[in-house]
Amino acid sequence: MNKAIIGRKVGMTQIFAEDGKLIPVTVVEAGPCPVVQVKTVANDGYAALKLGFIEVSEKALTKPELGQFKKAGVKPHKVLKEIRVANAESFEVGAELKADVFAAGDKVDVSGVTKGHGFTGVIKRWNQHRLKMTHGTGPVHREPGSMGPISSPSRVFKNKHLAGQYGVENVTIQNLEVVRVDLNRNAILIKGAIPGPKGSIVTISDSVKSK
């Protein structure tokens, strides 16, 4: 990727295009993100930037975390994330990335942690059907169903869809369109939905599969 930024999901709203069409958008507070460290192919074997996001007091960080910001001469930030970019050598430590790294019409990939739903059954977690509501299939109608034959293989295969933790997964949605960039408010409006609940941290990067 050539450009990326860390942001915070504000929520969803809708705007009207010039032709009058209604566009559902997700508002992301993107940056400012100071560059805390620049990694190069010569020194580290790959090119990347370490970015900070959301200023906090020194008391909120551990000594190892605080040491990275003091070495870079940057104020402490709550989020510290490494993002691989091809042109990392063109940045300097202390430089700031703002929302204007992207423009309206850009195609982006958005990565985030999905909303957690706790321990759920197979119907909610995997979209399975319930059993028939007739005699002989009860008393539980929302169970996963057959686990397989007893004689062989006499075990449950791995990756079988069963009940368990639903959500809290790293998910990337690709090829989303940037509708508008508001530099004064550090806001990027992205068409459609993105992963995570309101207030969650997301990463916006240029799309790897855009045409």
N, C-alpha and C. Protein backbone atom coordinates (compact mmCIF):
# COMPACT_ATOMS: atom_id res chain seq x y z
N MET A 1 0.84 -1.19 0.00
CA MET A 1 0.00 0.00 0.00
C MET A 1 0.87 1.24 0.00
N ASN A 2 0.32 2.34 -0.48
CA ASN A 2 1.06 3.59 -0.58
C ASN A 2 0.65 4.62 0.46
N LYS A 3 -0.57 4.52 1.00
CA LYS A 3 -1.02 5.48 2.00
C LYS A 3 -2.02 4.82 2.92
N ALA A 4 -2.02 5.27 4.18
CA ALA A 4 -2.94 4.71 5.17
C ALA A 4 -3.01 5.67 6.35
N ILE A 5 -4.04 5.53 7.16
CA ILE A 5 -4.21 6.38 8.33
C ILE A 5 -5.07 5.63 9.36
N ILE A 6 -4.88 5.98 10.63
CA ILE A 6 -5.67 5.39 11.71
C ILE A 6 -6.84 6.33 12.02
N GLY A 7 -8.00 5.75 12.30
CA GLY A 7 -9.17 6.57 12.59
C GLY A 7 -10.05 5.96 13.66
N ARG A 8 -11.08 6.71 14.02
CA ARG A 8 -12.05 6.25 15.01
C ARG A 8 -13.44 6.37 14.41
N LYS A 9 -14.20 5.28 14.46
CA LYS A 9 -15.55 5.27 13.88
C LYS A 9 -16.48 6.14 14.72
N VAL A 10 -17.09 7.13 14.08
CA VAL A 10 -18.02 8.03 14.76
C VAL A 10 -19.44 7.51 14.67
N GLY A 11 -19.84 7.03 13.50
CA GLY A 11 -21.19 6.51 13.31
C GLY A 11 -21.60 6.66 11.86
N MET A 12 -22.86 6.32 11.58
CA MET A 12 -23.37 6.39 10.22
C MET A 12 -24.37 7.52 10.07
N THR A 13 -24.42 8.07 8.87
CA THR A 13 -25.39 9.09 8.52
C THR A 13 -25.65 9.00 7.02
N GLN A 14 -26.26 10.02 6.46
CA GLN A 14 -26.50 10.01 5.01
C GLN A 14 -26.34 11.41 4.47
N ILE A 15 -25.86 11.49 3.23
CA ILE A 15 -25.70 12.78 2.56
C ILE A 15 -26.32 12.68 1.17
N PHE A 16 -26.50 13.84 0.55
CA PHE A 16 -27.06 13.88 -0.79
C PHE A 16 -25.98 14.29 -1.78
N ALA A 17 -25.89 13.54 -2.89
CA ALA A 17 -24.94 13.87 -3.95
C ALA A 17 -25.47 15.05 -4.77
N GLU A 18 -24.64 15.55 -5.67
CA GLU A 18 -25.04 16.70 -6.49
C GLU A 18 -26.24 16.39 -7.38
N ASP A 19 -26.37 15.12 -7.77
CA ASP A 19 -27.51 14.74 -8.62
C ASP A 19 -28.75 14.40 -7.81
N GLY A 20 -28.69 14.58 -6.48
CA GLY A 20 -29.85 14.36 -5.64
C GLY A 20 -29.95 12.96 -5.05
N LYS A 21 -29.03 12.07 -5.39
CA LYS A 21 -29.08 10.71 -4.86
C LYS A 21 -28.64 10.69 -3.40
N LEU A 22 -29.32 9.86 -2.60
CA LEU A 22 -28.98 9.72 -1.19
C LEU A 22 -27.89 8.68 -1.03
N ILE A 23 -26.84 9.00 -0.28
CA ILE A 23 -25.71 8.09 -0.10
C ILE A 23 -25.53 7.81 1.39
N PRO A 24 -25.64 6.54 1.82
CA PRO A 24 -25.35 6.19 3.21
C PRO A 24 -23.83 6.19 3.43
N VAL A 25 -23.38 6.87 4.48
CA VAL A 25 -21.94 6.98 4.71
C VAL A 25 -21.62 6.70 6.18
N THR A 26 -20.38 6.26 6.41
CA THR A 26 -19.84 6.12 7.75
C THR A 26 -18.83 7.23 7.98
N VAL A 27 -18.98 7.95 9.08
CA VAL A 27 -18.06 9.05 9.41
C VAL A 27 -16.92 8.50 10.26
N VAL A 28 -15.69 8.76 9.81
CA VAL A 28 -14.50 8.30 10.54
C VAL A 28 -13.65 9.52 10.89
N GLU A 29 -13.35 9.66 12.18
CA GLU A 29 -12.41 10.70 12.63
C GLU A 29 -11.00 10.18 12.34
N ALA A 30 -10.37 10.71 11.31
CA ALA A 30 -9.09 10.19 10.83
C ALA A 30 -7.97 11.17 11.16
N GLY A 31 -7.05 10.75 12.04
CA GLY A 31 -5.90 11.57 12.38
C GLY A 31 -6.28 12.74 13.27
N PRO A 32 -5.31 13.66 13.49
CA PRO A 32 -3.94 13.60 12.99
C PRO A 32 -3.14 12.48 13.64
N CYS A 33 -2.30 11.83 12.82
CA CYS A 33 -1.48 10.71 13.29
C CYS A 33 0.00 11.06 13.13
N PRO A 34 0.72 11.33 14.22
CA PRO A 34 2.15 11.61 14.12
C PRO A 34 2.96 10.35 13.82
N VAL A 35 4.03 10.50 13.08
CA VAL A 35 4.92 9.39 12.78
C VAL A 35 5.88 9.22 13.95
N VAL A 36 5.80 8.08 14.63
CA VAL A 36 6.64 7.81 15.79
C VAL A 36 7.93 7.10 15.39
N GLN A 37 7.87 6.28 14.35
CA GLN A 37 9.06 5.55 13.88
C GLN A 37 8.93 5.25 12.40
N VAL A 38 10.05 5.33 11.70
CA VAL A 38 10.09 4.98 10.28
C VAL A 38 10.96 3.74 10.13
N LYS A 39 10.39 2.67 9.58
CA LYS A 39 11.14 1.44 9.35
C LYS A 39 11.47 1.33 7.87
N THR A 40 12.72 1.02 7.57
CA THR A 40 13.18 0.95 6.18
C THR A 40 13.67 -0.45 5.86
N VAL A 41 13.76 -0.74 4.58
CA VAL A 41 14.23 -2.05 4.13
C VAL A 41 15.68 -2.27 4.55
N ALA A 42 16.49 -1.22 4.52
CA ALA A 42 17.91 -1.34 4.85
C ALA A 42 18.13 -1.70 6.33
N ASN A 43 17.32 -1.09 7.21
CA ASN A 43 17.52 -1.30 8.65
C ASN A 43 16.67 -2.43 9.22
N ASP A 44 15.43 -2.55 8.73
CA ASP A 44 14.48 -3.49 9.35
C ASP A 44 14.03 -4.62 8.43
N GLY A 45 14.39 -4.56 7.15
CA GLY A 45 14.00 -5.61 6.22
C GLY A 45 12.67 -5.37 5.55
N TYR A 46 11.96 -4.33 5.95
CA TYR A 46 10.69 -3.98 5.32
C TYR A 46 10.40 -2.51 5.60
N ALA A 47 9.51 -1.93 4.80
CA ALA A 47 9.16 -0.52 4.94
C ALA A 47 7.85 -0.38 5.67
N ALA A 48 7.81 0.45 6.72
CA ALA A 48 6.59 0.65 7.50
C ALA A 48 6.69 1.94 8.30
N LEU A 49 5.53 2.41 8.73
CA LEU A 49 5.44 3.57 9.61
C LEU A 49 4.75 3.17 10.90
N LYS A 50 5.24 3.71 12.01
CA LYS A 50 4.58 3.52 13.30
C LYS A 50 3.86 4.82 13.62
N LEU A 51 2.53 4.76 13.70
CA LEU A 51 1.72 5.96 13.86
C LEU A 51 1.04 5.98 15.23
N GLY A 52 0.87 7.19 15.77
CA GLY A 52 0.13 7.38 17.00
C GLY A 52 -1.22 8.00 16.70
N PHE A 53 -2.16 7.83 17.65
CA PHE A 53 -3.51 8.38 17.46
C PHE A 53 -4.16 8.58 18.82
N ILE A 54 -4.82 9.70 19.02
CA ILE A 54 -5.54 10.11 20.24
C ILE A 54 -4.56 10.42 21.37
N GLU A 55 -4.33 11.69 21.60
CA GLU A 55 -3.40 12.14 22.64
C GLU A 55 -3.92 11.76 24.03
N VAL A 56 -2.97 11.33 24.90
CA VAL A 56 -3.30 11.00 26.29
C VAL A 56 -2.19 11.54 27.19
N SER A 57 -2.41 11.49 28.50
CA SER A 57 -1.39 11.92 29.45
C SER A 57 -0.34 10.82 29.61
N GLU A 58 0.81 11.19 30.13
CA GLU A 58 1.90 10.22 30.31
C GLU A 58 1.51 9.12 31.31
N LYS A 59 0.62 9.45 32.25
CA LYS A 59 0.22 8.46 33.26
C LYS A 59 -0.55 7.29 32.66
N ALA A 60 -1.12 7.51 31.48
CA ALA A 60 -1.96 6.47 30.86
C ALA A 60 -1.14 5.38 30.18
N LEU A 61 0.19 5.57 30.05
CA LEU A 61 1.02 4.63 29.32
C LEU A 61 2.04 3.97 30.25
N THR A 62 2.52 2.82 29.83
CA THR A 62 3.60 2.15 30.56
C THR A 62 4.94 2.80 30.16
N LYS A 63 5.99 2.51 30.92
CA LYS A 63 7.29 3.11 30.63
C LYS A 63 7.83 2.69 29.25
N PRO A 64 7.70 1.40 28.84
CA PRO A 64 8.17 1.04 27.50
C PRO A 64 7.42 1.78 26.39
N GLU A 65 6.09 1.94 26.57
CA GLU A 65 5.30 2.67 25.57
C GLU A 65 5.70 4.14 25.54
N LEU A 66 5.87 4.72 26.72
CA LEU A 66 6.22 6.14 26.82
C LEU A 66 7.60 6.41 26.23
N GLY A 67 8.50 5.42 26.38
CA GLY A 67 9.86 5.59 25.87
C GLY A 67 9.90 5.77 24.36
N GLN A 68 9.01 5.10 23.64
CA GLN A 68 8.98 5.23 22.18
C GLN A 68 8.61 6.65 21.76
N PHE A 69 7.63 7.24 22.47
CA PHE A 69 7.21 8.60 22.13
C PHE A 69 8.28 9.63 22.50
N LYS A 70 8.96 9.43 23.65
CA LYS A 70 10.01 10.37 24.06
C LYS A 70 11.20 10.32 23.10
N LYS A 71 11.53 9.14 22.62
CA LYS A 71 12.63 8.99 21.67
C LYS A 71 12.33 9.72 20.37
N ALA A 72 11.05 9.69 19.96
CA ALA A 72 10.65 10.35 18.71
C ALA A 72 10.37 11.83 18.90
N GLY A 73 10.27 12.26 20.17
CA GLY A 73 9.94 13.66 20.42
C GLY A 73 8.49 13.98 20.11
N VAL A 74 7.61 12.98 20.31
CA VAL A 74 6.18 13.12 20.01
C VAL A 74 5.40 13.00 21.31
N LYS A 75 4.28 13.73 21.42
CA LYS A 75 3.43 13.65 22.60
C LYS A 75 2.84 12.24 22.72
N PRO A 76 2.59 11.76 23.96
CA PRO A 76 2.03 10.41 24.14
C PRO A 76 0.66 10.27 23.47
N HIS A 77 0.43 9.11 22.87
CA HIS A 77 -0.84 8.82 22.22
C HIS A 77 -1.36 7.47 22.70
N LYS A 78 -2.68 7.36 22.73
CA LYS A 78 -3.33 6.14 23.22
C LYS A 78 -3.09 4.95 22.30
N VAL A 79 -3.19 5.18 20.98
CA VAL A 79 -3.05 4.10 20.01
C VAL A 79 -1.68 4.21 19.33
N LEU A 80 -0.98 3.10 19.25
CA LEU A 80 0.31 3.04 18.55
C LEU A 80 0.26 1.84 17.61
N LYS A 81 0.28 2.11 16.31
CA LYS A 81 0.05 1.05 15.33
C LYS A 81 1.07 1.14 14.21
N GLU A 82 1.52 -0.02 13.76
CA GLU A 82 2.46 -0.07 12.64
C GLU A 82 1.72 -0.39 11.35
N ILE A 83 1.99 0.42 10.33
CA ILE A 83 1.32 0.26 9.04
C ILE A 83 2.38 0.15 7.96
N ARG A 84 2.30 -0.89 7.15
CA ARG A 84 3.28 -1.07 6.08
C ARG A 84 2.91 -0.21 4.87
N VAL A 85 3.84 0.63 4.47
CA VAL A 85 3.66 1.46 3.29
C VAL A 85 4.93 1.38 2.45
N ALA A 86 4.76 1.41 1.14
CA ALA A 86 5.90 1.24 0.24
C ALA A 86 6.84 2.44 0.28
N ASN A 87 6.28 3.64 0.50
CA ASN A 87 7.09 4.86 0.45
C ASN A 87 7.41 5.39 1.84
N ALA A 88 7.70 4.50 2.79
CA ALA A 88 7.95 4.92 4.17
C ALA A 88 9.16 5.84 4.29
N GLU A 89 10.16 5.64 3.43
CA GLU A 89 11.39 6.44 3.53
C GLU A 89 11.15 7.92 3.22
N SER A 90 10.04 8.24 2.59
CA SER A 90 9.76 9.64 2.26
C SER A 90 9.19 10.41 3.44
N PHE A 91 8.91 9.73 4.57
CA PHE A 91 8.38 10.38 5.77
C PHE A 91 9.49 10.59 6.79
N GLU A 92 9.29 11.56 7.67
CA GLU A 92 10.22 11.83 8.75
C GLU A 92 9.51 11.65 10.09
N VAL A 93 10.30 11.27 11.11
CA VAL A 93 9.73 11.13 12.45
C VAL A 93 9.22 12.48 12.93
N GLY A 94 8.00 12.49 13.44
CA GLY A 94 7.40 13.74 13.90
C GLY A 94 6.42 14.33 12.92
N ALA A 95 6.46 13.89 11.66
CA ALA A 95 5.51 14.38 10.65
C ALA A 95 4.10 13.88 10.98
N GLU A 96 3.09 14.62 10.56
CA GLU A 96 1.71 14.27 10.85
C GLU A 96 0.96 13.87 9.59
N LEU A 97 0.20 12.77 9.70
CA LEU A 97 -0.70 12.36 8.63
C LEU A 97 -2.10 12.82 8.99
N LYS A 98 -2.75 13.51 8.08
CA LYS A 98 -4.09 14.02 8.33
C LYS A 98 -5.08 13.41 7.33
N ALA A 99 -6.34 13.79 7.48
CA ALA A 99 -7.40 13.20 6.66
C ALA A 99 -7.20 13.45 5.18
N ASP A 100 -6.44 14.49 4.83
CA ASP A 100 -6.28 14.82 3.41
C ASP A 100 -5.32 13.90 2.67
N VAL A 101 -4.85 12.83 3.33
CA VAL A 101 -4.07 11.83 2.58
C VAL A 101 -4.97 11.12 1.57
N PHE A 102 -6.29 11.16 1.83
CA PHE A 102 -7.26 10.60 0.90
C PHE A 102 -8.12 11.72 0.33
N ALA A 103 -8.70 11.47 -0.83
CA ALA A 103 -9.56 12.46 -1.48
C ALA A 103 -10.85 11.78 -1.92
N ALA A 104 -11.86 12.58 -2.20
CA ALA A 104 -13.14 12.04 -2.65
C ALA A 104 -12.94 11.24 -3.94
N GLY A 105 -13.55 10.05 -3.98
CA GLY A 105 -13.41 9.18 -5.14
C GLY A 105 -12.38 8.08 -4.96
N ASP A 106 -11.53 8.17 -3.93
CA ASP A 106 -10.52 7.13 -3.69
C ASP A 106 -11.20 5.83 -3.26
N LYS A 107 -10.60 4.72 -3.65
CA LYS A 107 -11.05 3.40 -3.20
C LYS A 107 -10.16 2.96 -2.04
N VAL A 108 -10.78 2.53 -0.94
CA VAL A 108 -10.02 2.19 0.26
C VAL A 108 -10.46 0.85 0.83
N ASP A 109 -9.56 0.26 1.64
CA ASP A 109 -9.87 -0.90 2.45
C ASP A 109 -9.91 -0.46 3.91
N VAL A 110 -10.94 -0.88 4.64
CA VAL A 110 -11.09 -0.49 6.04
C VAL A 110 -11.03 -1.73 6.91
N SER A 111 -10.11 -1.72 7.89
CA SER A 111 -9.94 -2.86 8.80
C SER A 111 -10.32 -2.45 10.22
N GLY A 112 -11.01 -3.35 10.91
CA GLY A 112 -11.41 -3.07 12.29
C GLY A 112 -11.84 -4.34 12.99
N VAL A 113 -12.12 -4.22 14.29
CA VAL A 113 -12.58 -5.35 15.09
C VAL A 113 -14.09 -5.29 15.19
N THR A 114 -14.77 -6.37 14.80
CA THR A 114 -16.23 -6.38 14.75
C THR A 114 -16.84 -6.32 16.15
N LYS A 115 -18.11 -5.95 16.19
CA LYS A 115 -18.84 -5.85 17.44
C LYS A 115 -18.99 -7.23 18.08
N GLY A 116 -18.79 -7.32 19.39
CA GLY A 116 -18.90 -8.60 20.09
C GLY A 116 -20.34 -8.90 20.48
N HIS A 117 -20.75 -10.16 20.32
CA HIS A 117 -22.11 -10.59 20.68
C HIS A 117 -22.10 -11.64 21.80
N GLY A 118 -20.92 -11.95 22.36
CA GLY A 118 -20.85 -12.93 23.43
C GLY A 118 -20.99 -14.36 22.91
N PHE A 119 -21.33 -15.28 23.82
CA PHE A 119 -21.50 -16.70 23.48
C PHE A 119 -22.88 -16.87 22.86
N THR A 120 -22.92 -17.29 21.60
CA THR A 120 -24.20 -17.44 20.91
C THR A 120 -24.32 -18.84 20.31
N GLY A 121 -25.55 -19.20 19.98
CA GLY A 121 -25.81 -20.50 19.38
C GLY A 121 -25.56 -20.51 17.88
N VAL A 122 -25.79 -21.66 17.27
CA VAL A 122 -25.47 -21.83 15.85
C VAL A 122 -26.39 -21.04 14.94
N ILE A 123 -27.63 -20.74 15.39
CA ILE A 123 -28.57 -20.00 14.53
C ILE A 123 -28.11 -18.56 14.35
N LYS A 124 -27.74 -17.91 15.45
CA LYS A 124 -27.28 -16.53 15.36
C LYS A 124 -25.85 -16.45 14.82
N ARG A 125 -25.00 -17.39 15.22
CA ARG A 125 -23.58 -17.33 14.86
C ARG A 125 -23.32 -17.74 13.42
N TRP A 126 -24.02 -18.79 12.95
CA TRP A 126 -23.73 -19.35 11.62
C TRP A 126 -24.93 -19.29 10.68
N ASN A 127 -26.03 -18.68 11.11
CA ASN A 127 -27.21 -18.51 10.25
C ASN A 127 -27.86 -19.84 9.89
N GLN A 128 -27.79 -20.82 10.78
CA GLN A 128 -28.39 -22.12 10.50
C GLN A 128 -29.90 -22.08 10.76
N HIS A 129 -30.59 -23.08 10.21
CA HIS A 129 -32.04 -23.21 10.42
C HIS A 129 -32.30 -23.97 11.73
N ARG A 130 -33.42 -23.68 12.33
CA ARG A 130 -33.82 -24.47 13.50
C ARG A 130 -34.44 -25.78 13.03
N LEU A 131 -34.58 -26.73 13.96
CA LEU A 131 -35.21 -28.00 13.63
C LEU A 131 -36.73 -27.81 13.48
N LYS A 132 -37.38 -28.80 12.89
CA LYS A 132 -38.84 -28.71 12.68
C LYS A 132 -39.55 -28.62 14.02
N MET A 133 -40.58 -27.80 14.07
CA MET A 133 -41.35 -27.63 15.31
C MET A 133 -42.44 -28.69 15.40
N THR A 134 -42.04 -29.97 15.36
CA THR A 134 -43.00 -31.08 15.43
C THR A 134 -42.54 -32.06 16.50
N HIS A 135 -43.41 -33.04 16.80
CA HIS A 135 -43.06 -34.06 17.79
C HIS A 135 -41.89 -34.90 17.28
N GLY A 136 -41.00 -35.24 18.19
CA GLY A 136 -39.89 -36.11 17.84
C GLY A 136 -38.59 -35.36 17.60
N THR A 137 -38.64 -34.05 17.50
CA THR A 137 -37.40 -33.28 17.27
C THR A 137 -37.01 -32.45 18.48
N GLY A 138 -37.84 -32.45 19.53
CA GLY A 138 -37.56 -31.64 20.71
C GLY A 138 -36.65 -32.36 21.69
N PRO A 139 -36.51 -31.83 22.91
CA PRO A 139 -37.15 -30.59 23.37
C PRO A 139 -36.42 -29.32 22.90
N VAL A 140 -35.21 -29.47 22.40
CA VAL A 140 -34.47 -28.29 21.94
C VAL A 140 -34.55 -28.22 20.42
N HIS A 141 -34.99 -27.08 19.89
CA HIS A 141 -35.15 -26.94 18.45
C HIS A 141 -34.07 -26.04 17.83
N ARG A 142 -33.18 -25.52 18.67
CA ARG A 142 -32.14 -24.62 18.18
C ARG A 142 -30.74 -25.23 18.30
N GLU A 143 -30.68 -26.57 18.43
CA GLU A 143 -29.39 -27.24 18.59
C GLU A 143 -28.70 -27.40 17.22
N PRO A 144 -27.39 -27.70 17.21
CA PRO A 144 -26.65 -27.77 15.94
C PRO A 144 -27.00 -28.95 15.06
N GLY A 145 -27.63 -29.99 15.61
CA GLY A 145 -27.98 -31.15 14.80
C GLY A 145 -26.96 -32.27 14.94
N SER A 146 -26.89 -33.14 13.93
CA SER A 146 -26.05 -34.34 14.01
C SER A 146 -24.57 -33.98 14.10
N MET A 147 -23.86 -34.73 14.95
CA MET A 147 -22.41 -34.57 15.08
C MET A 147 -21.65 -35.55 14.20
N GLY A 148 -22.35 -36.44 13.48
CA GLY A 148 -21.69 -37.42 12.64
C GLY A 148 -21.93 -38.83 13.16
N PRO A 149 -21.55 -39.87 12.39
CA PRO A 149 -21.78 -41.27 12.79
C PRO A 149 -20.95 -41.68 14.00
N ILE A 150 -21.47 -42.61 14.79
CA ILE A 150 -20.78 -43.07 15.99
C ILE A 150 -19.63 -44.01 15.64
N SER A 151 -19.84 -44.90 14.65
CA SER A 151 -18.83 -45.93 14.35
C SER A 151 -17.58 -45.33 13.74
N SER A 152 -17.76 -44.46 12.76
CA SER A 152 -16.60 -43.85 12.11
C SER A 152 -17.01 -42.47 11.61
N PRO A 153 -16.31 -41.42 11.96
CA PRO A 153 -14.98 -41.37 12.58
C PRO A 153 -14.99 -41.35 14.09
N SER A 154 -16.16 -41.44 14.73
CA SER A 154 -16.26 -41.46 16.19
C SER A 154 -15.71 -40.19 16.83
N ARG A 155 -15.80 -39.11 16.14
CA ARG A 155 -15.34 -37.83 16.68
C ARG A 155 -16.02 -36.71 15.88
N VAL A 156 -15.91 -35.52 16.39
CA VAL A 156 -16.44 -34.35 15.69
C VAL A 156 -15.31 -33.72 14.88
N PHE A 157 -15.53 -33.51 13.58
CA PHE A 157 -14.50 -32.91 12.74
C PHE A 157 -14.19 -31.48 13.17
N LYS A 158 -12.97 -31.08 12.95
CA LYS A 158 -12.58 -29.70 13.23
C LYS A 158 -13.34 -28.75 12.30
N ASN A 159 -13.51 -27.52 12.78
CA ASN A 159 -14.15 -26.44 12.02
C ASN A 159 -15.65 -26.66 11.81
N LYS A 160 -16.24 -27.62 12.53
CA LYS A 160 -17.69 -27.78 12.45
C LYS A 160 -18.37 -26.57 13.09
N HIS A 161 -19.42 -26.09 12.47
CA HIS A 161 -20.12 -24.90 12.96
C HIS A 161 -20.89 -25.23 14.24
N LEU A 162 -20.39 -24.75 15.36
CA LEU A 162 -21.02 -24.98 16.65
C LEU A 162 -21.19 -23.66 17.37
N ALA A 163 -21.81 -23.71 18.56
CA ALA A 163 -21.98 -22.51 19.36
C ALA A 163 -20.63 -22.03 19.88
N GLY A 164 -20.53 -20.73 20.15
CA GLY A 164 -19.28 -20.18 20.68
C GLY A 164 -19.27 -18.66 20.61
N GLN A 165 -18.08 -18.09 20.81
CA GLN A 165 -17.93 -16.63 20.79
C GLN A 165 -18.23 -16.09 19.39
N TYR A 166 -19.10 -15.09 19.35
CA TYR A 166 -19.50 -14.50 18.07
C TYR A 166 -19.05 -13.05 18.05
N GLY A 167 -18.31 -12.67 17.03
CA GLY A 167 -17.81 -11.31 16.91
C GLY A 167 -16.40 -11.16 17.46
N VAL A 168 -15.95 -9.91 17.64
CA VAL A 168 -14.60 -9.57 18.11
C VAL A 168 -13.56 -10.24 17.21
N GLU A 169 -13.70 -10.01 15.91
CA GLU A 169 -12.76 -10.55 14.94
C GLU A 169 -12.21 -9.42 14.07
N ASN A 170 -10.96 -9.57 13.65
CA ASN A 170 -10.37 -8.60 12.73
C ASN A 170 -10.96 -8.81 11.34
N VAL A 171 -11.63 -7.80 10.82
CA VAL A 171 -12.30 -7.92 9.53
C VAL A 171 -11.89 -6.74 8.65
N THR A 172 -11.66 -7.02 7.36
CA THR A 172 -11.34 -5.97 6.39
C THR A 172 -12.40 -5.97 5.30
N ILE A 173 -12.99 -4.80 5.07
CA ILE A 173 -13.93 -4.63 3.96
C ILE A 173 -13.21 -3.87 2.86
N GLN A 174 -13.22 -4.44 1.66
CA GLN A 174 -12.42 -3.91 0.56
C GLN A 174 -13.25 -3.07 -0.40
N ASN A 175 -12.54 -2.22 -1.12
CA ASN A 175 -13.12 -1.44 -2.23
C ASN A 175 -14.28 -0.54 -1.81
N LEU A 176 -14.13 0.13 -0.70
CA LEU A 176 -15.11 1.13 -0.31
C LEU A 176 -14.71 2.48 -0.90
N GLU A 177 -15.68 3.33 -1.13
CA GLU A 177 -15.41 4.61 -1.80
C GLU A 177 -15.44 5.77 -0.80
N VAL A 178 -14.43 6.62 -0.88
CA VAL A 178 -14.41 7.85 -0.08
C VAL A 178 -15.33 8.87 -0.76
N VAL A 179 -16.37 9.31 -0.05
CA VAL A 179 -17.34 10.24 -0.62
C VAL A 179 -16.92 11.69 -0.38
N ARG A 180 -16.41 11.96 0.81
CA ARG A 180 -16.05 13.34 1.14
C ARG A 180 -14.96 13.35 2.20
N VAL A 181 -14.09 14.36 2.17
CA VAL A 181 -13.03 14.56 3.17
C VAL A 181 -13.17 15.96 3.75
N ASP A 182 -13.32 16.04 5.08
CA ASP A 182 -13.43 17.33 5.76
C ASP A 182 -12.18 17.51 6.62
N LEU A 183 -11.21 18.27 6.12
CA LEU A 183 -9.94 18.44 6.81
C LEU A 183 -10.10 19.24 8.10
N ASN A 184 -11.03 20.20 8.12
CA ASN A 184 -11.23 21.03 9.32
C ASN A 184 -11.70 20.20 10.51
N ARG A 185 -12.48 19.16 10.23
CA ARG A 185 -12.99 18.29 11.30
C ARG A 185 -12.24 16.97 11.36
N ASN A 186 -11.20 16.79 10.56
CA ASN A 186 -10.44 15.53 10.49
C ASN A 186 -11.39 14.36 10.23
N ALA A 187 -12.31 14.54 9.31
CA ALA A 187 -13.34 13.52 9.05
C ALA A 187 -13.24 13.00 7.63
N ILE A 188 -13.42 11.68 7.50
CA ILE A 188 -13.51 11.03 6.19
C ILE A 188 -14.87 10.33 6.13
N LEU A 189 -15.64 10.62 5.10
CA LEU A 189 -16.94 9.99 4.91
C LEU A 189 -16.80 8.88 3.88
N ILE A 190 -17.09 7.65 4.30
CA ILE A 190 -16.91 6.46 3.47
C ILE A 190 -18.28 5.87 3.15
N LYS A 191 -18.51 5.55 1.90
CA LYS A 191 -19.80 5.01 1.47
C LYS A 191 -19.99 3.60 2.04
N GLY A 192 -21.14 3.39 2.69
CA GLY A 192 -21.46 2.06 3.22
C GLY A 192 -21.01 1.89 4.66
N ALA A 193 -21.05 0.65 5.12
CA ALA A 193 -20.73 0.31 6.51
C ALA A 193 -19.30 -0.19 6.63
N ILE A 194 -18.72 -0.01 7.81
CA ILE A 194 -17.38 -0.52 8.10
C ILE A 194 -17.43 -1.33 9.39
N PRO A 195 -16.43 -2.18 9.65
CA PRO A 195 -16.48 -3.05 10.84
C PRO A 195 -16.40 -2.26 12.14
N GLY A 196 -16.98 -2.83 13.20
CA GLY A 196 -16.81 -2.31 14.54
C GLY A 196 -17.94 -1.45 15.04
N PRO A 197 -18.06 -1.32 16.37
CA PRO A 197 -19.07 -0.44 16.97
C PRO A 197 -18.61 1.02 16.94
N LYS A 198 -19.49 1.93 17.35
CA LYS A 198 -19.12 3.34 17.43
C LYS A 198 -17.98 3.53 18.43
N GLY A 199 -17.00 4.35 18.05
CA GLY A 199 -15.87 4.62 18.92
C GLY A 199 -14.71 3.65 18.76
N SER A 200 -14.86 2.64 17.92
CA SER A 200 -13.78 1.66 17.73
C SER A 200 -12.70 2.20 16.79
N ILE A 201 -11.51 1.66 16.93
CA ILE A 201 -10.37 2.09 16.12
C ILE A 201 -10.35 1.30 14.80
N VAL A 202 -10.18 2.00 13.70
CA VAL A 202 -10.11 1.36 12.38
C VAL A 202 -8.88 1.87 11.64
N THR A 203 -8.46 1.10 10.65
CA THR A 203 -7.35 1.49 9.79
C THR A 203 -7.86 1.63 8.36
N ILE A 204 -7.60 2.78 7.77
CA ILE A 204 -8.01 3.05 6.39
C ILE A 204 -6.77 3.04 5.51
N SER A 205 -6.78 2.25 4.46
CA SER A 205 -5.64 2.17 3.54
C SER A 205 -6.15 2.13 2.10
N ASP A 206 -5.28 2.49 1.16
CA ASP A 206 -5.69 2.45 -0.23
C ASP A 206 -5.95 1.00 -0.63
N SER A 207 -6.95 0.78 -1.46
CA SER A 207 -7.41 -0.55 -1.79
C SER A 207 -6.35 -1.32 -2.59
N VAL A 208 -6.20 -2.61 -2.25
CA VAL A 208 -5.23 -3.46 -2.94
C VAL A 208 -5.83 -4.12 -4.17
N LYS A 209 -7.16 -4.05 -4.31
CA LYS A 209 -7.82 -4.72 -5.43
C LYS A 209 -8.61 -3.76 -6.30
N SER A 210 -8.41 -2.47 -6.13
CA SER A 210 -9.19 -1.51 -6.91
C SER A 210 -8.78 -1.55 -8.36
N LYS A 211 -9.75 -1.32 -9.25
CA LYS A 211 -9.48 -1.34 -10.67
C LYS A 211 -8.90 -0.01 -11.11
